[in-house]
Structures are given as C-alpha cells and as structure tokens.
C-alpha cells in the first residue's frame, strides 16, 4: 500500500429526511472518488437529524440494524462500486431496548469489516444521548482496510484520552471522529483536542462536525471539519463554519513512522505505573 492516501470527509446540513440525506452523501462520495479519494467518512448519525437535542420516544424511529439495515447495505454497495472505504455513523438497534451510537466501517470491496460503538455519552441540555443510547461495549477496534488501519472515536469520546490511546496501541493510522458539536459549548476546544490527540498518539485524525441549525433545537453546529497529521498540523485548511463541504486531502502515512522515531512516546510509556488510572 502506498504511503500517500487520499482521504475525504463530509460535513453536511440536515436536508429534512433520511432519503435525501443519504442521497446527498452518496453524491459527496462519488465526487470524492472522482478526485481519487480512497476513503471517506460521514458525520455522527449522518442519515438523521441530531435528535438528541430533545428527549422524545418518536426519535427511536431513526434506528436501524448494523450491518443489515438499509443504510449500511446501501453504503456497502456504494463502496464496492467506487472501490472506496466508507465510515458510516448511524443510530443502531441491536434488539429491543438495545440502541447504540455506532459507526460501521466498510472496505473498498464493499465488505462490512465491523463497527465501533460510542463509549462516552453526554447527558445535558441539547445533548440528551443517554435517553437514546447504551454505552459502547465493543472496545476500540482498528480495521485493516484498503486505505490503511482505520479506527473510529465518536464526538463526546474525544474528551477522553484513553480511547485515543487504545486506538494507537492497536495500530491505527487514521482515526475518524464523527461529531455533532455546537457553537459556544466547547467550540474553543475543537481545534485543540484532536490535534493534541494526534500528537500524543501519533496518527492522523479526521475531525468531522455537522453544520447549521436543525429542527429539534437551537444547537448551531459550526462545521470547521479538518484533517490533522501526527505533528498536530492541519492538512490543508479546515472546512467552513457555516456551509456544507466535502474535504479531500492527501495523508502521508509515512509521517507516522517518522514521528514515532522522533517523538518516542510509545517507547517511553509506563503501563506498569498506570494501574491507579483504571480504579473505579
């Protein structure tokens, strides 16, 4: 596999219904493939509004099975057609009462590789996620894809360093971080946390945020999605803070080995001293 991987991400405005939202993302994927992208990732629960701004039972209707639901199956077919890896965040149902904030990872041949379930769930005004989701229970998998070793960490997870490190220890080269974060709450952290995590764990991060105000609340999702390299440098300019946008960037995975030789953070870890960190 070549060191240079052309990668894409999409920040999108809610269209008003699932069918048109999925159509729009399919068109973004086709545009990215036309530019030579080998991998693309979408925003948190990409095929729905960010319904967690309210606590209403009707919003369980957005849930579907992973991988057998219609959205993931459609994305498997699209990945196969475009020969592109796709990271697909959706609201997952895994039996009555078992709901998760999930991202499926699909390889470039259309095969479903597995899923990540969000571990850390916020529960505060505008982000009532514990009403809808159970905490993730599948660990921090890293998937061998045609575009490299790919991991996922979802939105609120980004405030917790342990998962970032688990992905690095499992060999992640690119971590997609699909999000739905609003202006004013923690926006000043947006360009701080993921670059810091990329440095600490020495891999690339694709930070994706929604954009716009949606129908179920006042959250103003500010976009500003970006790719960041293991030195903590933005790869090209971040996306707009007001408009839908497709970003396509070249990621030099060779930098990972370079950084890990220069900044030998993995060599100098002290897991023998960290036991108190996991005590209840």
Protein backbone atom coordinates (compact mmCIF):
# COMPACT_ATOMS: atom_id res chain seq x y z
CA UNK A 1 0.00 0.00 0.00
CA UNK A 2 1.44 3.42 -0.93
CA UNK A 3 2.26 5.86 1.87
CA UNK A 4 0.08 8.62 0.38
CA UNK A 5 -3.62 8.00 0.97
CA UNK A 6 -6.16 10.44 -0.46
CA UNK A 7 -8.87 10.74 2.19
CA UNK A 8 -12.19 12.58 2.34
CA UNK A 9 -14.76 13.71 4.88
CA UNK A 10 -18.16 15.37 4.62
CA UNK A 11 -19.77 17.97 6.85
CA UNK A 12 -23.43 18.35 5.92
CA UNK A 13 -26.62 20.24 6.69
CA UNK A 14 -29.72 18.26 7.59
CA UNK A 15 -31.90 18.02 4.48
CA UNK A 16 -35.16 17.22 6.28
CA UNK A 17 -35.48 13.49 5.59
CA UNK A 18 -33.35 10.38 5.57
CA UNK A 19 -33.74 9.56 1.87
CA UNK A 20 -32.41 12.90 0.64
CA UNK A 21 -29.70 12.95 3.31
CA UNK A 22 -28.38 9.56 2.19
CA UNK A 23 -28.65 10.65 -1.46
CA UNK A 24 -26.62 13.77 -0.71
CA UNK A 25 -23.88 11.78 1.00
CA UNK A 26 -23.77 9.32 -1.87
CA UNK A 27 -23.18 12.23 -4.24
CA UNK A 28 -20.39 13.53 -1.99
CA UNK A 29 -18.82 10.07 -2.03
CA UNK A 30 -18.99 9.98 -5.81
CA UNK A 31 -17.39 13.43 -6.00
CA UNK A 32 -14.62 12.32 -3.64
CA UNK A 33 -14.00 9.16 -5.68
CA UNK A 34 -13.78 11.27 -8.83
CA UNK A 35 -10.99 13.20 -7.11
CA UNK A 36 -9.16 9.97 -6.30
CA UNK A 37 -10.17 9.55 -2.65
CA UNK A 38 -9.73 6.04 -1.28
CA UNK A 39 -11.60 6.57 1.98
CA UNK A 40 -14.44 8.82 3.16
CA UNK A 41 -16.19 9.38 6.48
CA UNK A 42 -19.52 10.98 7.38
CA UNK A 43 -20.71 12.91 10.46
CA UNK A 44 -22.33 11.49 13.60
CA UNK A 45 -25.71 9.76 12.88
CA UNK A 46 -25.29 11.12 9.37
CA UNK A 47 -28.65 9.94 7.96
CA UNK A 48 -30.77 11.63 10.66
CA UNK A 49 -31.07 14.98 12.40
CA UNK A 50 -29.26 15.36 15.70
CA UNK A 51 -32.43 14.37 17.55
CA UNK A 52 -30.63 14.20 20.92
CA UNK A 53 -31.43 17.87 21.42
CA UNK A 54 -34.75 16.59 22.81
CA UNK A 55 -35.94 13.52 24.74
CA UNK A 56 -38.83 12.13 22.73
CA UNK A 57 -39.62 8.49 22.10
CA UNK A 58 -40.55 9.15 18.46
CA UNK A 59 -36.88 9.53 17.60
CA UNK A 60 -36.18 5.86 18.13
CA UNK A 61 -37.59 5.53 14.61
CA UNK A 62 -34.21 6.56 13.22
CA UNK A 63 -32.57 3.36 14.49
CA UNK A 64 -31.65 0.50 12.18
CA UNK A 65 -29.65 -2.69 12.27
CA UNK A 66 -25.92 -2.75 11.59
CA UNK A 67 -24.86 -4.17 9.20
CA UNK A 68 -28.16 -5.49 7.86
CA UNK A 69 -30.12 -2.23 7.82
CA UNK A 70 -30.85 -0.32 4.62
CA UNK A 71 -28.30 2.47 5.08
CA UNK A 72 -25.26 0.29 5.75
CA UNK A 73 -26.27 -2.12 3.00
CA UNK A 74 -26.58 0.75 0.54
CA UNK A 75 -23.15 2.05 1.58
CA UNK A 76 -21.66 -1.43 1.13
CA UNK A 77 -22.89 -1.40 -2.47
CA UNK A 78 -21.54 2.13 -2.97
CA UNK A 79 -18.14 1.24 -1.51
CA UNK A 80 -17.94 -1.74 -3.86
CA UNK A 81 -18.88 0.39 -6.86
CA UNK A 82 -16.43 3.19 -6.04
CA UNK A 83 -13.65 0.98 -4.63
CA UNK A 84 -13.57 3.24 -1.59
CA UNK A 85 -13.54 2.66 2.17
CA UNK A 86 -16.56 4.30 3.88
CA UNK A 87 -17.06 5.12 7.58
CA UNK A 88 -20.83 5.19 8.20
CA UNK A 89 -22.14 6.57 11.54
CA UNK A 90 -25.76 5.62 12.29
CA UNK A 91 -28.23 5.04 15.16
CA UNK A 92 -28.04 1.27 15.69
CA UNK A 93 -30.71 -1.07 17.04
CA UNK A 94 -29.44 -4.44 18.22
CA UNK A 95 -32.68 -5.86 19.59
CA UNK A 96 -35.48 -4.38 21.70
CA UNK A 97 -34.07 -1.78 24.09
CA UNK A 98 -30.52 -2.18 22.80
CA UNK A 99 -29.61 1.02 20.95
CA UNK A 100 -26.15 2.41 20.24
CA UNK A 101 -24.45 5.39 18.63
CA UNK A 102 -22.47 3.42 16.08
CA UNK A 103 -20.17 3.71 13.08
CA UNK A 104 -19.84 0.89 10.55
CA UNK A 105 -16.58 0.51 8.63
CA UNK A 106 -16.86 -0.81 5.07
CA UNK A 107 -13.87 -1.84 2.97
CA UNK A 108 -13.24 -0.81 -0.62
CA UNK A 109 -14.58 -4.14 -1.91
CA UNK A 110 -17.91 -3.50 -0.19
CA UNK A 111 -17.30 -5.92 2.66
CA UNK A 112 -18.51 -4.94 6.13
CA UNK A 113 -15.48 -5.04 8.44
CA UNK A 114 -17.14 -4.25 11.76
CA UNK A 115 -18.40 -1.40 13.91
CA UNK A 116 -17.47 0.94 16.70
CA UNK A 117 -20.00 1.88 19.39
CA UNK A 118 -19.59 5.23 21.15
CA UNK A 119 -18.38 4.73 24.72
CA UNK A 120 -18.90 8.11 26.36
CA UNK A 121 -22.42 9.55 26.24
CA UNK A 122 -23.21 13.15 27.22
CA UNK A 123 -26.42 13.92 29.04
CA UNK A 124 -27.01 17.65 29.32
CA UNK A 125 -29.23 20.26 27.64
CA UNK A 126 -29.06 19.85 23.88
CA UNK A 127 -27.20 16.53 24.11
CA UNK A 128 -29.54 14.04 25.81
CA UNK A 129 -27.77 10.93 24.49
CA UNK A 130 -28.34 8.62 27.45
CA UNK A 131 -32.06 8.77 26.69
CA UNK A 132 -31.41 7.00 23.37
CA UNK A 133 -28.14 5.05 23.58
CA UNK A 134 -26.43 2.43 25.68
CA UNK A 135 -22.66 2.91 26.24
CA UNK A 136 -20.49 1.17 23.68
CA UNK A 137 -19.34 -2.34 24.54
CA UNK A 138 -17.13 -3.43 21.63
CA UNK A 139 -13.85 -1.85 22.73
CA UNK A 140 -11.79 0.24 20.31
CA UNK A 141 -11.38 -1.86 17.17
CA UNK A 142 -8.96 -0.95 14.41
CA UNK A 143 -9.81 -2.20 10.94
CA UNK A 144 -7.42 -3.28 8.20
CA UNK A 145 -8.75 -1.52 5.11
CA UNK A 146 -7.58 -0.81 1.59
CA UNK A 147 -6.68 2.69 2.80
CA UNK A 148 -4.73 1.66 5.90
CA UNK A 149 -5.53 0.80 9.50
CA UNK A 150 -8.63 2.78 10.45
CA UNK A 151 -10.26 3.47 13.81
CA UNK A 152 -13.29 5.47 14.93
CA UNK A 153 -13.95 7.64 18.01
CA UNK A 154 -17.32 9.45 18.12
CA UNK A 155 -17.94 13.07 19.20
CA UNK A 156 -18.00 13.30 23.03
CA UNK A 157 -15.46 10.45 23.14
CA UNK A 158 -12.84 12.96 22.03
CA UNK A 159 -12.71 14.49 25.54
CA UNK A 160 -11.40 11.19 26.96
CA UNK A 161 -7.75 10.34 26.17
CA UNK A 162 -8.00 6.63 26.97
CA UNK A 163 -9.78 5.64 23.76
CA UNK A 164 -7.43 7.66 21.59
CA UNK A 165 -4.54 5.76 23.18
CA UNK A 166 -6.26 2.38 22.81
CA UNK A 167 -6.64 3.04 19.07
CA UNK A 168 -2.97 3.94 18.78
CA UNK A 169 -1.87 0.84 20.67
CA UNK A 170 -4.00 -1.23 18.28
CA UNK A 171 -2.10 0.23 15.33
CA UNK A 172 -4.45 2.90 13.97
CA UNK A 173 -3.05 5.10 11.21
CA UNK A 174 -6.19 7.16 10.57
CA UNK A 175 -8.94 7.78 13.14
CA UNK A 176 -12.27 9.22 12.02
CA UNK A 177 -14.01 11.33 14.69
CA UNK A 178 -17.60 11.99 13.52
CA UNK A 179 -19.27 14.63 15.69
CA UNK A 180 -22.23 16.92 16.33
CA UNK A 181 -20.90 19.79 18.41
CA UNK A 182 -22.42 23.24 18.69
CA UNK A 183 -21.09 26.76 18.73
CA UNK A 184 -20.50 28.16 22.21
CA UNK A 185 -20.50 24.93 24.22
CA UNK A 186 -16.97 23.73 23.56
CA UNK A 187 -16.04 25.27 20.22
CA UNK A 188 -12.74 26.63 21.53
CA UNK A 189 -11.70 23.00 22.18
CA UNK A 190 -12.47 21.88 18.63
CA UNK A 191 -9.11 22.89 17.13
CA UNK A 192 -7.25 21.95 20.30
CA UNK A 193 -8.27 18.45 21.36
CA UNK A 194 -7.94 16.47 18.13
CA UNK A 195 -4.56 17.97 17.15
CA UNK A 196 -3.35 17.23 20.68
CA UNK A 197 -4.65 13.66 20.41
CA UNK A 198 -2.95 13.27 17.02
CA UNK A 199 0.36 14.34 18.59
CA UNK A 200 0.01 12.25 21.74
CA UNK A 201 -0.93 9.12 19.80
CA UNK A 202 0.98 9.77 16.59
CA UNK A 203 -1.59 9.15 13.87
CA UNK A 204 -3.89 11.11 11.55
CA UNK A 205 -7.32 12.27 12.70
CA UNK A 206 -10.31 13.24 10.55
CA UNK A 207 -12.45 15.54 12.72
CA UNK A 208 -15.98 15.89 11.30
CA UNK A 209 -18.71 18.19 12.58
CA UNK A 210 -22.24 18.93 11.42
CA UNK A 211 -23.11 22.38 10.15
CA UNK A 212 -26.21 24.55 10.63
CA UNK A 213 -29.24 24.75 12.92
CA UNK A 214 -31.69 21.83 12.82
CA UNK A 215 -35.38 21.45 13.57
CA UNK A 216 -35.22 19.87 17.04
CA UNK A 217 -33.29 22.54 18.93
CA UNK A 218 -31.12 25.63 18.96
CA UNK A 219 -27.73 23.93 18.62
CA UNK A 220 -25.70 25.78 15.99
CA UNK A 221 -23.38 23.15 14.55
CA UNK A 222 -20.32 25.01 13.33
CA UNK A 223 -18.64 22.61 10.92
CA UNK A 224 -14.93 23.52 10.72
CA UNK A 225 -14.09 19.90 9.92
CA UNK A 226 -10.46 19.06 9.20
CA UNK A 227 -7.68 16.52 8.86
CA UNK A 228 -4.72 16.76 11.24
CA UNK A 229 -1.39 14.94 11.00
CA UNK A 230 0.74 13.29 13.73
CA UNK A 231 2.66 16.54 14.21
CA UNK A 232 -0.61 18.29 15.08
CA UNK A 233 -0.65 20.24 11.81
CA UNK A 234 -3.81 20.78 9.78
CA UNK A 235 -3.64 19.04 6.39
CA UNK A 236 -4.92 21.88 4.24
CA UNK A 237 -7.43 24.40 5.53
CA UNK A 238 -10.36 23.38 7.76
CA UNK A 239 -13.84 23.49 6.25
CA UNK A 240 -16.31 26.37 6.53
CA UNK A 241 -18.07 27.08 9.82
CA UNK A 242 -21.38 27.77 8.04
CA UNK A 243 -21.59 25.73 4.84
CA UNK A 244 -21.78 22.11 3.79
CA UNK A 245 -18.44 20.95 2.44
CA UNK A 246 -16.50 17.97 1.12
CA UNK A 247 -12.81 17.92 2.07
CA UNK A 248 -10.32 15.78 0.14
CA UNK A 249 -6.75 15.67 1.43
CA UNK A 250 -3.58 13.64 0.83
CA UNK A 251 -2.33 11.94 4.00
CA UNK A 252 1.31 10.83 4.05
CA UNK A 253 1.18 7.76 6.30
CA UNK A 254 4.98 7.62 6.19
CA UNK A 255 4.96 10.52 8.64
CA UNK A 256 3.67 8.17 11.34
CA UNK A 257 6.89 6.15 11.45
CA UNK A 258 8.93 9.36 11.24
CA UNK A 259 7.12 10.89 14.21
CA UNK A 260 7.30 7.72 16.28
CA UNK A 261 11.07 7.64 15.82
CA UNK A 262 11.44 11.35 16.64
CA UNK A 263 8.92 11.56 19.48
CA UNK A 264 9.22 8.12 21.02
CA UNK A 265 6.05 8.31 23.09
CA UNK A 266 5.14 4.65 22.66
CA UNK A 267 8.64 3.55 23.61
CA UNK A 268 8.55 5.64 26.77
CA UNK A 269 5.11 4.63 28.03
CA UNK A 270 4.92 3.24 31.58
CA UNK A 271 1.91 0.88 31.66
CA UNK A 272 3.39 -0.71 34.79
CA UNK A 273 2.70 2.59 36.59
CA UNK A 274 -0.79 3.26 35.25
CA UNK A 275 -2.86 0.78 37.27
CA UNK A 276 -4.36 3.51 39.54
CA UNK A 277 -5.89 5.18 36.45
CA UNK A 278 -8.34 2.31 35.97
CA UNK A 279 -9.56 2.01 39.56
CA UNK A 280 -13.29 2.82 39.99
